[in-house]
Amino acid sequence: MQGISAEVFVVDNNSVDGSCEMVREKFQEVILIENKTNTGFAVANNQAIKQSTGEYILLLNPDTVVEEDTFSKVCAFMDTHANAGGLGAHDCR
């Protein structure tokens, strides 16, 4: 995400595999929300959205792979289409 100012949230739904410890150790800049139960994907997203302060919000599944310039392209699109309320992306290869 070079050149993009961003907040990154990780919402953990009660993992038992050491994920939270790994995020705390390797990604200190990440805002970690640790749930004591599995609240589900939608509730977890809403927890992060409520704390976010950015102009745009990106919801990303943990298994998603993105190209290097994806975020800059998405932001550029949103910046030039003021009437857009949302954006969905998929692999077009």
PDB file of N, CA and C in Angstrom:
ATOM      1  N   MET A   1       0.835  -1.191   0.000  1.00  0.00           N
ATOM      2  CA  MET A   1       0.000   0.000   0.000  1.00  0.00           C
ATOM      3  C   MET A   1       0.876   1.251   0.000  1.00  0.00           C
ATOM      4  N   GLN A   2       1.945   1.197  -0.732  1.00  0.00           N
ATOM      5  CA  GLN A   2       2.845   2.341  -0.811  1.00  0.00           C
ATOM      6  C   GLN A   2       2.125   3.563  -1.349  1.00  0.00           C
ATOM      7  N   GLY A   3       2.357   4.690  -0.689  1.00  0.00           N
ATOM      8  CA  GLY A   3       1.771   5.935  -1.125  1.00  0.00           C
ATOM      9  C   GLY A   3       0.335   6.137  -0.704  1.00  0.00           C
ATOM     10  N   ILE A   4      -0.213   5.210   0.068  1.00  0.00           N
ATOM     11  CA  ILE A   4      -1.601   5.306   0.519  1.00  0.00           C
ATOM     12  C   ILE A   4      -1.610   5.342   2.043  1.00  0.00           C
ATOM     13  N   SER A   5      -2.227   6.362   2.583  1.00  0.00           N
ATOM     14  CA  SER A   5      -2.411   6.443   4.029  1.00  0.00           C
ATOM     15  C   SER A   5      -3.579   5.547   4.405  1.00  0.00           C
ATOM     16  N   ALA A   6      -3.372   4.641   5.347  1.00  0.00           N
ATOM     17  CA  ALA A   6      -4.432   3.676   5.658  1.00  0.00           C
ATOM     18  C   ALA A   6      -4.375   3.227   7.111  1.00  0.00           C
ATOM     19  N   GLU A   7      -5.530   2.864   7.608  1.00  0.00           N
ATOM     20  CA  GLU A   7      -5.647   2.143   8.871  1.00  0.00           C
ATOM     21  C   GLU A   7      -5.907   0.688   8.489  1.00  0.00           C
ATOM     22  N   VAL A   8      -5.267  -0.212   9.171  1.00  0.00           N
ATOM     23  CA  VAL A   8      -5.499  -1.624   8.909  1.00  0.00           C
ATOM     24  C   VAL A   8      -6.014  -2.260  10.189  1.00  0.00           C
ATOM     25  N   PHE A   9      -7.182  -2.869  10.076  1.00  0.00           N
ATOM     26  CA  PHE A   9      -7.792  -3.567  11.206  1.00  0.00           C
ATOM     27  C   PHE A   9      -7.742  -5.066  10.947  1.00  0.00           C
ATOM     28  N   VAL A  10      -7.477  -5.819  11.976  1.00  0.00           N
ATOM     29  CA  VAL A  10      -7.641  -7.270  11.941  1.00  0.00           C
ATOM     30  C   VAL A  10      -8.605  -7.598  13.064  1.00  0.00           C
ATOM     31  N   VAL A  11      -9.703  -8.236  12.707  1.00  0.00           N
ATOM     32  CA  VAL A  11     -10.670  -8.666  13.709  1.00  0.00           C
ATOM     33  C   VAL A  11     -10.549 -10.174  13.824  1.00  0.00           C
ATOM     34  N   ASP A  12     -10.177 -10.627  15.003  1.00  0.00           N
ATOM     35  CA  ASP A  12      -9.992 -12.055  15.246  1.00  0.00           C
ATOM     36  C   ASP A  12     -11.207 -12.590  15.984  1.00  0.00           C
ATOM     37  N   ASN A  13     -11.836 -13.600  15.395  1.00  0.00           N
ATOM     38  CA  ASN A  13     -13.035 -14.206  15.979  1.00  0.00           C
ATOM     39  C   ASN A  13     -12.690 -15.431  16.821  1.00  0.00           C
ATOM     40  N   ASN A  14     -11.905 -15.189  17.876  1.00  0.00           N
ATOM     41  CA  ASN A  14     -11.589 -16.216  18.872  1.00  0.00           C
ATOM     42  C   ASN A  14     -10.728 -17.343  18.309  1.00  0.00           C
ATOM     43  N   SER A  15      -9.706 -16.984  17.534  1.00  0.00           N
ATOM     44  CA  SER A  15      -8.777 -17.988  17.020  1.00  0.00           C
ATOM     45  C   SER A  15      -8.010 -18.632  18.172  1.00  0.00           C
ATOM     46  N   VAL A  16      -7.619 -19.859  17.962  1.00  0.00           N
ATOM     47  CA  VAL A  16      -6.830 -20.580  18.976  1.00  0.00           C
ATOM     48  C   VAL A  16      -5.469 -20.999  18.399  1.00  0.00           C
ATOM     49  N   ASP A  17      -5.081 -20.405  17.265  1.00  0.00           N
ATOM     50  CA  ASP A  17      -3.860 -20.807  16.580  1.00  0.00           C
ATOM     51  C   ASP A  17      -2.696 -19.839  16.761  1.00  0.00           C
ATOM     52  N   GLY A  18      -2.823 -18.880  17.665  1.00  0.00           N
ATOM     53  CA  GLY A  18      -1.748 -17.922  17.894  1.00  0.00           C
ATOM     54  C   GLY A  18      -1.767 -16.737  16.947  1.00  0.00           C
ATOM     55  N   SER A  19      -2.846 -16.577  16.213  1.00  0.00           N
ATOM     56  CA  SER A  19      -2.938 -15.480  15.236  1.00  0.00           C
ATOM     57  C   SER A  19      -2.777 -14.110  15.884  1.00  0.00           C
ATOM     58  N   CYS A  20      -3.431 -13.900  16.993  1.00  0.00           N
ATOM     59  CA  CYS A  20      -3.366 -12.581  17.640  1.00  0.00           C
ATOM     60  C   CYS A  20      -1.944 -12.254  18.083  1.00  0.00           C
ATOM     61  N   GLU A  21      -1.263 -13.229  18.652  1.00  0.00           N
ATOM     62  CA  GLU A  21       0.116 -13.008  19.082  1.00  0.00           C
ATOM     63  C   GLU A  21       1.000 -12.663  17.883  1.00  0.00           C
ATOM     64  N   MET A  22       0.804 -13.357  16.770  1.00  0.00           N
ATOM     65  CA  MET A  22       1.585 -13.101  15.563  1.00  0.00           C
ATOM     66  C   MET A  22       1.328 -11.695  15.032  1.00  0.00           C
ATOM     67  N   VAL A  23       0.064 -11.271  15.005  1.00  0.00           N
ATOM     68  CA  VAL A  23      -0.256  -9.921  14.530  1.00  0.00           C
ATOM     69  C   VAL A  23       0.383  -8.885  15.448  1.00  0.00           C
ATOM     70  N   ARG A  24       0.278  -9.070  16.757  1.00  0.00           N
ATOM     71  CA  ARG A  24       0.874  -8.122  17.705  1.00  0.00           C
ATOM     72  C   ARG A  24       2.385  -8.031  17.537  1.00  0.00           C
ATOM     73  N   GLU A  25       3.046  -9.149  17.299  1.00  0.00           N
ATOM     74  CA  GLU A  25       4.502  -9.175  17.183  1.00  0.00           C
ATOM     75  C   GLU A  25       4.996  -8.625  15.847  1.00  0.00           C
ATOM     76  N   LYS A  26       4.346  -9.009  14.746  1.00  0.00           N
ATOM     77  CA  LYS A  26       4.875  -8.691  13.419  1.00  0.00           C
ATOM     78  C   LYS A  26       4.262  -7.456  12.773  1.00  0.00           C
ATOM     79  N   PHE A  27       3.102  -7.036  13.247  1.00  0.00           N
ATOM     80  CA  PHE A  27       2.388  -5.924  12.603  1.00  0.00           C
ATOM     81  C   PHE A  27       1.878  -4.954  13.665  1.00  0.00           C
ATOM     82  N   GLN A  28       2.794  -4.274  14.331  1.00  0.00           N
ATOM     83  CA  GLN A  28       2.418  -3.363  15.421  1.00  0.00           C
ATOM     84  C   GLN A  28       1.507  -2.229  14.954  1.00  0.00           C
ATOM     85  N   GLU A  29       1.564  -1.887  13.664  1.00  0.00           N
ATOM     86  CA  GLU A  29       0.740  -0.789  13.149  1.00  0.00           C
ATOM     87  C   GLU A  29      -0.722  -1.196  12.948  1.00  0.00           C
ATOM     88  N   VAL A  30      -1.006  -2.486  12.992  1.00  0.00           N
ATOM     89  CA  VAL A  30      -2.363  -2.991  12.790  1.00  0.00           C
ATOM     90  C   VAL A  30      -3.189  -2.788  14.055  1.00  0.00           C
ATOM     91  N   ILE A  31      -4.431  -2.399  13.872  1.00  0.00           N
ATOM     92  CA  ILE A  31      -5.372  -2.289  14.989  1.00  0.00           C
ATOM     93  C   ILE A  31      -6.045  -3.650  15.126  1.00  0.00           C
ATOM     94  N   LEU A  32      -5.762  -4.327  16.212  1.00  0.00           N
ATOM     95  CA  LEU A  32      -6.249  -5.686  16.433  1.00  0.00           C
ATOM     96  C   LEU A  32      -7.460  -5.664  17.358  1.00  0.00           C
ATOM     97  N   ILE A  33      -8.541  -6.253  16.886  1.00  0.00           N
ATOM     98  CA  ILE A  33      -9.754  -6.420  17.694  1.00  0.00           C
ATOM     99  C   ILE A  33      -9.877  -7.911  17.980  1.00  0.00           C
ATOM    100  N   GLU A  34      -9.804  -8.273  19.251  1.00  0.00           N
ATOM    101  CA  GLU A  34      -9.854  -9.679  19.650  1.00  0.00           C
ATOM    102  C   GLU A  34     -11.220 -10.005  20.242  1.00  0.00           C
ATOM    103  N   ASN A  35     -12.011 -10.763  19.515  1.00  0.00           N
ATOM    104  CA  ASN A  35     -13.306 -11.194  20.022  1.00  0.00           C
ATOM    105  C   ASN A  35     -13.140 -12.459  20.858  1.00  0.00           C
ATOM    106  N   LYS A  36     -13.915 -12.555  21.892  1.00  0.00           N
ATOM    107  CA  LYS A  36     -13.861 -13.729  22.773  1.00  0.00           C
ATOM    108  C   LYS A  36     -14.751 -14.860  22.277  1.00  0.00           C
ATOM    109  N   THR A  37     -15.587 -14.556  21.267  1.00  0.00           N
ATOM    110  CA  THR A  37     -16.415 -15.575  20.609  1.00  0.00           C
ATOM    111  C   THR A  37     -16.349 -15.315  19.111  1.00  0.00           C
ATOM    112  N   ASN A  38     -16.784 -16.290  18.323  1.00  0.00           N
ATOM    113  CA  ASN A  38     -16.834 -16.105  16.876  1.00  0.00           C
ATOM    114  C   ASN A  38     -18.134 -15.385  16.538  1.00  0.00           C
ATOM    115  N   THR A  39     -18.004 -14.091  16.296  1.00  0.00           N
ATOM    116  CA  THR A  39     -19.182 -13.261  16.029  1.00  0.00           C
ATOM    117  C   THR A  39     -19.651 -13.363  14.585  1.00  0.00           C
ATOM    118  N   GLY A  40     -18.824 -13.940  13.713  1.00  0.00           N
ATOM    119  CA  GLY A  40     -19.151 -14.033  12.292  1.00  0.00           C
ATOM    120  C   GLY A  40     -18.517 -12.897  11.511  1.00  0.00           C
ATOM    121  N   PHE A  41     -18.394 -13.098  10.207  1.00  0.00           N
ATOM    122  CA  PHE A  41     -17.691 -12.157   9.339  1.00  0.00           C
ATOM    123  C   PHE A  41     -18.356 -10.783   9.319  1.00  0.00           C
ATOM    124  N   ALA A  42     -19.664 -10.720   9.184  1.00  0.00           N
ATOM    125  CA  ALA A  42     -20.359  -9.425   9.072  1.00  0.00           C
ATOM    126  C   ALA A  42     -20.229  -8.599  10.345  1.00  0.00           C
ATOM    127  N   VAL A  43     -20.433  -9.213  11.488  1.00  0.00           N
ATOM    128  CA  VAL A  43     -20.315  -8.495  12.763  1.00  0.00           C
ATOM    129  C   VAL A  43     -18.882  -7.996  12.949  1.00  0.00           C
ATOM    130  N   ALA A  44     -17.912  -8.843  12.621  1.00  0.00           N
ATOM    131  CA  ALA A  44     -16.505  -8.450  12.741  1.00  0.00           C
ATOM    132  C   ALA A  44     -16.198  -7.254  11.837  1.00  0.00           C
ATOM    133  N   ASN A  45     -16.701  -7.276  10.614  1.00  0.00           N
ATOM    134  CA  ASN A  45     -16.513  -6.129   9.715  1.00  0.00           C
ATOM    135  C   ASN A  45     -17.092  -4.865  10.326  1.00  0.00           C
ATOM    136  N   ASN A  46     -18.285  -4.960  10.869  1.00  0.00           N
ATOM    137  CA  ASN A  46     -18.930  -3.786  11.462  1.00  0.00           C
ATOM    138  C   ASN A  46     -18.144  -3.250  12.653  1.00  0.00           C
ATOM    139  N   GLN A  47     -17.510  -4.123  13.417  1.00  0.00           N
ATOM    140  CA  GLN A  47     -16.689  -3.663  14.544  1.00  0.00           C
ATOM    141  C   GLN A  47     -15.563  -2.757  14.041  1.00  0.00           C
ATOM    142  N   ALA A  48     -14.889  -3.180  12.981  1.00  0.00           N
ATOM    143  CA  ALA A  48     -13.793  -2.383  12.430  1.00  0.00           C
ATOM    144  C   ALA A  48     -14.312  -1.105  11.786  1.00  0.00           C
ATOM    145  N   ILE A  49     -15.409  -1.201  11.051  1.00  0.00           N
ATOM    146  CA  ILE A  49     -15.981  -0.014  10.393  1.00  0.00           C
ATOM    147  C   ILE A  49     -16.304   1.060  11.422  1.00  0.00           C
ATOM    148  N   LYS A  50     -16.863   0.671  12.553  1.00  0.00           N
ATOM    149  CA  LYS A  50     -17.223   1.648  13.590  1.00  0.00           C
ATOM    150  C   LYS A  50     -16.005   2.391  14.125  1.00  0.00           C
ATOM    151  N   GLN A  51     -14.835   1.757  14.104  1.00  0.00           N
ATOM    152  CA  GLN A  51     -13.618   2.398  14.614  1.00  0.00           C
ATOM    153  C   GLN A  51     -12.839   3.140  13.531  1.00  0.00           C
ATOM    154  N   SER A  52     -13.165   2.887  12.286  1.00  0.00           N
ATOM    155  CA  SER A  52     -12.382   3.459  11.189  1.00  0.00           C
ATOM    156  C   SER A  52     -12.631   4.953  11.049  1.00  0.00           C
ATOM    157  N   THR A  53     -11.644   5.643  10.514  1.00  0.00           N
ATOM    158  CA  THR A  53     -11.751   7.092  10.309  1.00  0.00           C
ATOM    159  C   THR A  53     -11.448   7.492   8.869  1.00  0.00           C
ATOM    160  N   GLY A  54     -11.197   6.541   7.990  1.00  0.00           N
ATOM    161  CA  GLY A  54     -10.787   6.836   6.625  1.00  0.00           C
ATOM    162  C   GLY A  54     -11.921   7.285   5.729  1.00  0.00           C
ATOM    163  N   GLU A  55     -11.541   7.793   4.573  1.00  0.00           N
ATOM    164  CA  GLU A  55     -12.514   8.219   3.568  1.00  0.00           C
ATOM    165  C   GLU A  55     -13.196   7.019   2.923  1.00  0.00           C
ATOM    166  N   TYR A  56     -12.425   5.972   2.684  1.00  0.00           N
ATOM    167  CA  TYR A  56     -12.942   4.752   2.071  1.00  0.00           C
ATOM    168  C   TYR A  56     -12.744   3.582   3.018  1.00  0.00           C
ATOM    169  N   ILE A  57     -13.586   2.575   2.876  1.00  0.00           N
ATOM    170  CA  ILE A  57     -13.481   1.354   3.685  1.00  0.00           C
ATOM    171  C   ILE A  57     -13.373   0.176   2.733  1.00  0.00           C
ATOM    172  N   LEU A  58     -12.400  -0.669   2.971  1.00  0.00           N
ATOM    173  CA  LEU A  58     -12.203  -1.874   2.185  1.00  0.00           C
ATOM    174  C   LEU A  58     -12.418  -3.079   3.087  1.00  0.00           C
ATOM    175  N   LEU A  59     -13.335  -3.945   2.701  1.00  0.00           N
ATOM    176  CA  LEU A  59     -13.558  -5.196   3.417  1.00  0.00           C
ATOM    177  C   LEU A  59     -12.861  -6.286   2.629  1.00  0.00           C
ATOM    178  N   LEU A  60     -11.951  -6.988   3.277  1.00  0.00           N
ATOM    179  CA  LEU A  60     -11.113  -7.947   2.577  1.00  0.00           C
ATOM    180  C   LEU A  60     -11.126  -9.275   3.314  1.00  0.00           C
ATOM    181  N   ASN A  61     -11.486 -10.321   2.599  1.00  0.00           N
ATOM    182  CA  ASN A  61     -11.436 -11.661   3.190  1.00  0.00           C
ATOM    183  C   ASN A  61      -9.977 -12.033   3.472  1.00  0.00           C
ATOM    184  N   PRO A  62      -9.739 -12.849   4.470  1.00  0.00           N
ATOM    185  CA  PRO A  62      -8.351 -13.170   4.831  1.00  0.00           C
ATOM    186  C   PRO A  62      -7.598 -13.970   3.773  1.00  0.00           C
ATOM    187  N   ASP A  63      -8.290 -14.590   2.848  1.00  0.00           N
ATOM    188  CA  ASP A  63      -7.619 -15.387   1.821  1.00  0.00           C
ATOM    189  C   ASP A  63      -7.491 -14.649   0.485  1.00  0.00           C
ATOM    190  N   THR A  64      -7.722 -13.352   0.478  1.00  0.00           N
ATOM    191  CA  THR A  64      -7.679 -12.563  -0.747  1.00  0.00           C
ATOM    192  C   THR A  64      -6.240 -12.230  -1.138  1.00  0.00           C
ATOM    193  N   VAL A  65      -5.956 -12.332  -2.416  1.00  0.00           N
ATOM    194  CA  VAL A  65      -4.672 -11.925  -2.973  1.00  0.00           C
ATOM    195  C   VAL A  65      -4.944 -10.771  -3.927  1.00  0.00           C
ATOM    196  N   VAL A  66      -4.208  -9.681  -3.772  1.00  0.00           N
ATOM    197  CA  VAL A  66      -4.412  -8.510  -4.630  1.00  0.00           C
ATOM    198  C   VAL A  66      -3.121  -8.176  -5.372  1.00  0.00           C
ATOM    199  N   GLU A  67      -3.269  -7.560  -6.536  1.00  0.00           N
ATOM    200  CA  GLU A  67      -2.115  -7.099  -7.305  1.00  0.00           C
ATOM    201  C   GLU A  67      -1.495  -5.891  -6.602  1.00  0.00           C
ATOM    202  N   GLU A  68      -0.260  -5.600  -6.942  1.00  0.00           N
ATOM    203  CA  GLU A  68       0.491  -4.539  -6.265  1.00  0.00           C
ATOM    204  C   GLU A  68      -0.183  -3.169  -6.358  1.00  0.00           C
ATOM    205  N   ASP A  69      -0.834  -2.870  -7.484  1.00  0.00           N
ATOM    206  CA  ASP A  69      -1.426  -1.546  -7.692  1.00  0.00           C
ATOM    207  C   ASP A  69      -2.941  -1.511  -7.477  1.00  0.00           C
ATOM    208  N   THR A  70      -3.501  -2.564  -6.933  1.00  0.00           N
ATOM    209  CA  THR A  70      -4.960  -2.646  -6.770  1.00  0.00           C
ATOM    210  C   THR A  70      -5.517  -1.493  -5.949  1.00  0.00           C
ATOM    211  N   PHE A  71      -4.933  -1.221  -4.800  1.00  0.00           N
ATOM    212  CA  PHE A  71      -5.494  -0.199  -3.914  1.00  0.00           C
ATOM    213  C   PHE A  71      -5.401   1.199  -4.522  1.00  0.00           C
ATOM    214  N   SER A  72      -4.303   1.500  -5.196  1.00  0.00           N
ATOM    215  CA  SER A  72      -4.200   2.822  -5.830  1.00  0.00           C
ATOM    216  C   SER A  72      -5.214   2.956  -6.967  1.00  0.00           C
ATOM    217  N   LYS A  73      -5.451   1.879  -7.715  1.00  0.00           N
ATOM    218  CA  LYS A  73      -6.457   1.916  -8.785  1.00  0.00           C
ATOM    219  C   LYS A  73      -7.859   2.097  -8.222  1.00  0.00           C
ATOM    220  N   VAL A  74      -8.165   1.401  -7.158  1.00  0.00           N
ATOM    221  CA  VAL A  74      -9.493   1.500  -6.539  1.00  0.00           C
ATOM    222  C   VAL A  74      -9.716   2.913  -6.004  1.00  0.00           C
ATOM    223  N   CYS A  75      -8.723   3.456  -5.316  1.00  0.00           N
ATOM    224  CA  CYS A  75      -8.865   4.824  -4.790  1.00  0.00           C
ATOM    225  C   CYS A  75      -9.010   5.838  -5.918  1.00  0.00           C
ATOM    226  N   ALA A  76      -8.246   5.666  -6.994  1.00  0.00           N
ATOM    227  CA  ALA A  76      -8.346   6.578  -8.137  1.00  0.00           C
ATOM    228  C   ALA A  76      -9.739   6.525  -8.751  1.00  0.00           C
ATOM    229  N   PHE A  77     -10.288   5.325  -8.885  1.00  0.00           N
ATOM    230  CA  PHE A  77     -11.640   5.195  -9.429  1.00  0.00           C
ATOM    231  C   PHE A  77     -12.641   5.926  -8.537  1.00  0.00           C
ATOM    232  N   MET A  78     -12.573   5.681  -7.247  1.00  0.00           N
ATOM    233  CA  MET A  78     -13.528   6.313  -6.333  1.00  0.00           C
ATOM    234  C   MET A  78     -13.365   7.831  -6.323  1.00  0.00           C
ATOM    235  N   ASP A  79     -12.121   8.295  -6.403  1.00  0.00           N
ATOM    236  CA  ASP A  79     -11.875   9.740  -6.421  1.00  0.00           C
ATOM    237  C   ASP A  79     -12.463  10.408  -7.659  1.00  0.00           C
ATOM    238  N   THR A  80     -12.507   9.710  -8.784  1.00  0.00           N
ATOM    239  CA  THR A  80     -13.002  10.308 -10.028  1.00  0.00           C
ATOM    240  C   THR A  80     -14.470  10.008 -10.307  1.00  0.00           C
ATOM    241  N   HIS A  81     -15.100   9.223  -9.436  1.00  0.00           N
ATOM    242  CA  HIS A  81     -16.525   8.908  -9.591  1.00  0.00           C
ATOM    243  C   HIS A  81     -17.245   9.227  -8.276  1.00  0.00           C
ATOM    244  N   ALA A  82     -17.441  10.522  -8.058  1.00  0.00           N
ATOM    245  CA  ALA A  82     -18.016  10.990  -6.788  1.00  0.00           C
ATOM    246  C   ALA A  82     -19.401  10.418  -6.512  1.00  0.00           C
ATOM    247  N   ASN A  83     -20.111   9.984  -7.540  1.00  0.00           N
ATOM    248  CA  ASN A  83     -21.459   9.449  -7.341  1.00  0.00           C
ATOM    249  C   ASN A  83     -21.444   7.958  -7.007  1.00  0.00           C
ATOM    250  N   ALA A  84     -20.279   7.339  -7.017  1.00  0.00           N
ATOM    251  CA  ALA A  84     -20.184   5.913  -6.689  1.00  0.00           C
ATOM    252  C   ALA A  84     -20.285   5.725  -5.189  1.00  0.00           C
ATOM    253  N   GLY A  85     -21.143   4.813  -4.762  1.00  0.00           N
ATOM    254  CA  GLY A  85     -21.296   4.516  -3.339  1.00  0.00           C
ATOM    255  C   GLY A  85     -20.521   3.297  -2.907  1.00  0.00           C
ATOM    256  N   GLY A  86     -20.061   2.525  -3.867  1.00  0.00           N
ATOM    257  CA  GLY A  86     -19.309   1.316  -3.543  1.00  0.00           C
ATOM    258  C   GLY A  86     -18.644   0.781  -4.787  1.00  0.00           C
ATOM    259  N   LEU A  87     -17.787  -0.191  -4.582  1.00  0.00           N
ATOM    260  CA  LEU A  87     -17.023  -0.771  -5.680  1.00  0.00           C
ATOM    261  C   LEU A  87     -16.779  -2.233  -5.367  1.00  0.00           C
ATOM    262  N   GLY A  88     -17.017  -3.079  -6.341  1.00  0.00           N
ATOM    263  CA  GLY A  88     -16.687  -4.496  -6.207  1.00  0.00           C
ATOM    264  C   GLY A  88     -15.648  -4.845  -7.256  1.00  0.00           C
ATOM    265  N   ALA A  89     -14.723  -5.681  -6.891  1.00  0.00           N
ATOM    266  CA  ALA A  89     -13.661  -6.056  -7.831  1.00  0.00           C
ATOM    267  C   ALA A  89     -13.581  -7.583  -7.903  1.00  0.00           C
ATOM    268  N   HIS A  90     -13.164  -8.057  -9.064  1.00  0.00           N
ATOM    269  CA  HIS A  90     -12.970  -9.505  -9.226  1.00  0.00           C
ATOM    270  C   HIS A  90     -11.851  -9.724 -10.219  1.00  0.00           C
ATOM    271  N   ASP A  91     -11.372 -10.935 -10.289  1.00  0.00           N
ATOM    272  CA  ASP A  91     -10.282 -11.308 -11.189  1.00  0.00           C
ATOM    273  C   ASP A  91     -10.822 -11.371 -12.619  1.00  0.00           C
ATOM    274  N   CYS A  92     -10.273 -10.573 -13.492  1.00  0.00           N
ATOM    275  CA  CYS A  92     -10.756 -10.509 -14.875  1.00  0.00           C
ATOM    276  C   CYS A  92      -9.839 -11.250 -15.845  1.00  0.00           C
ATOM    277  N   ARG A  93      -8.920 -12.020 -15.342  1.00  0.00           N
ATOM    278  CA  ARG A  93      -7.986 -12.720 -16.242  1.00  0.00           C
ATOM    279  C   ARG A  93      -8.649 -13.794 -17.027  1.00  0.00           C
TER     280      ARG A  93
END
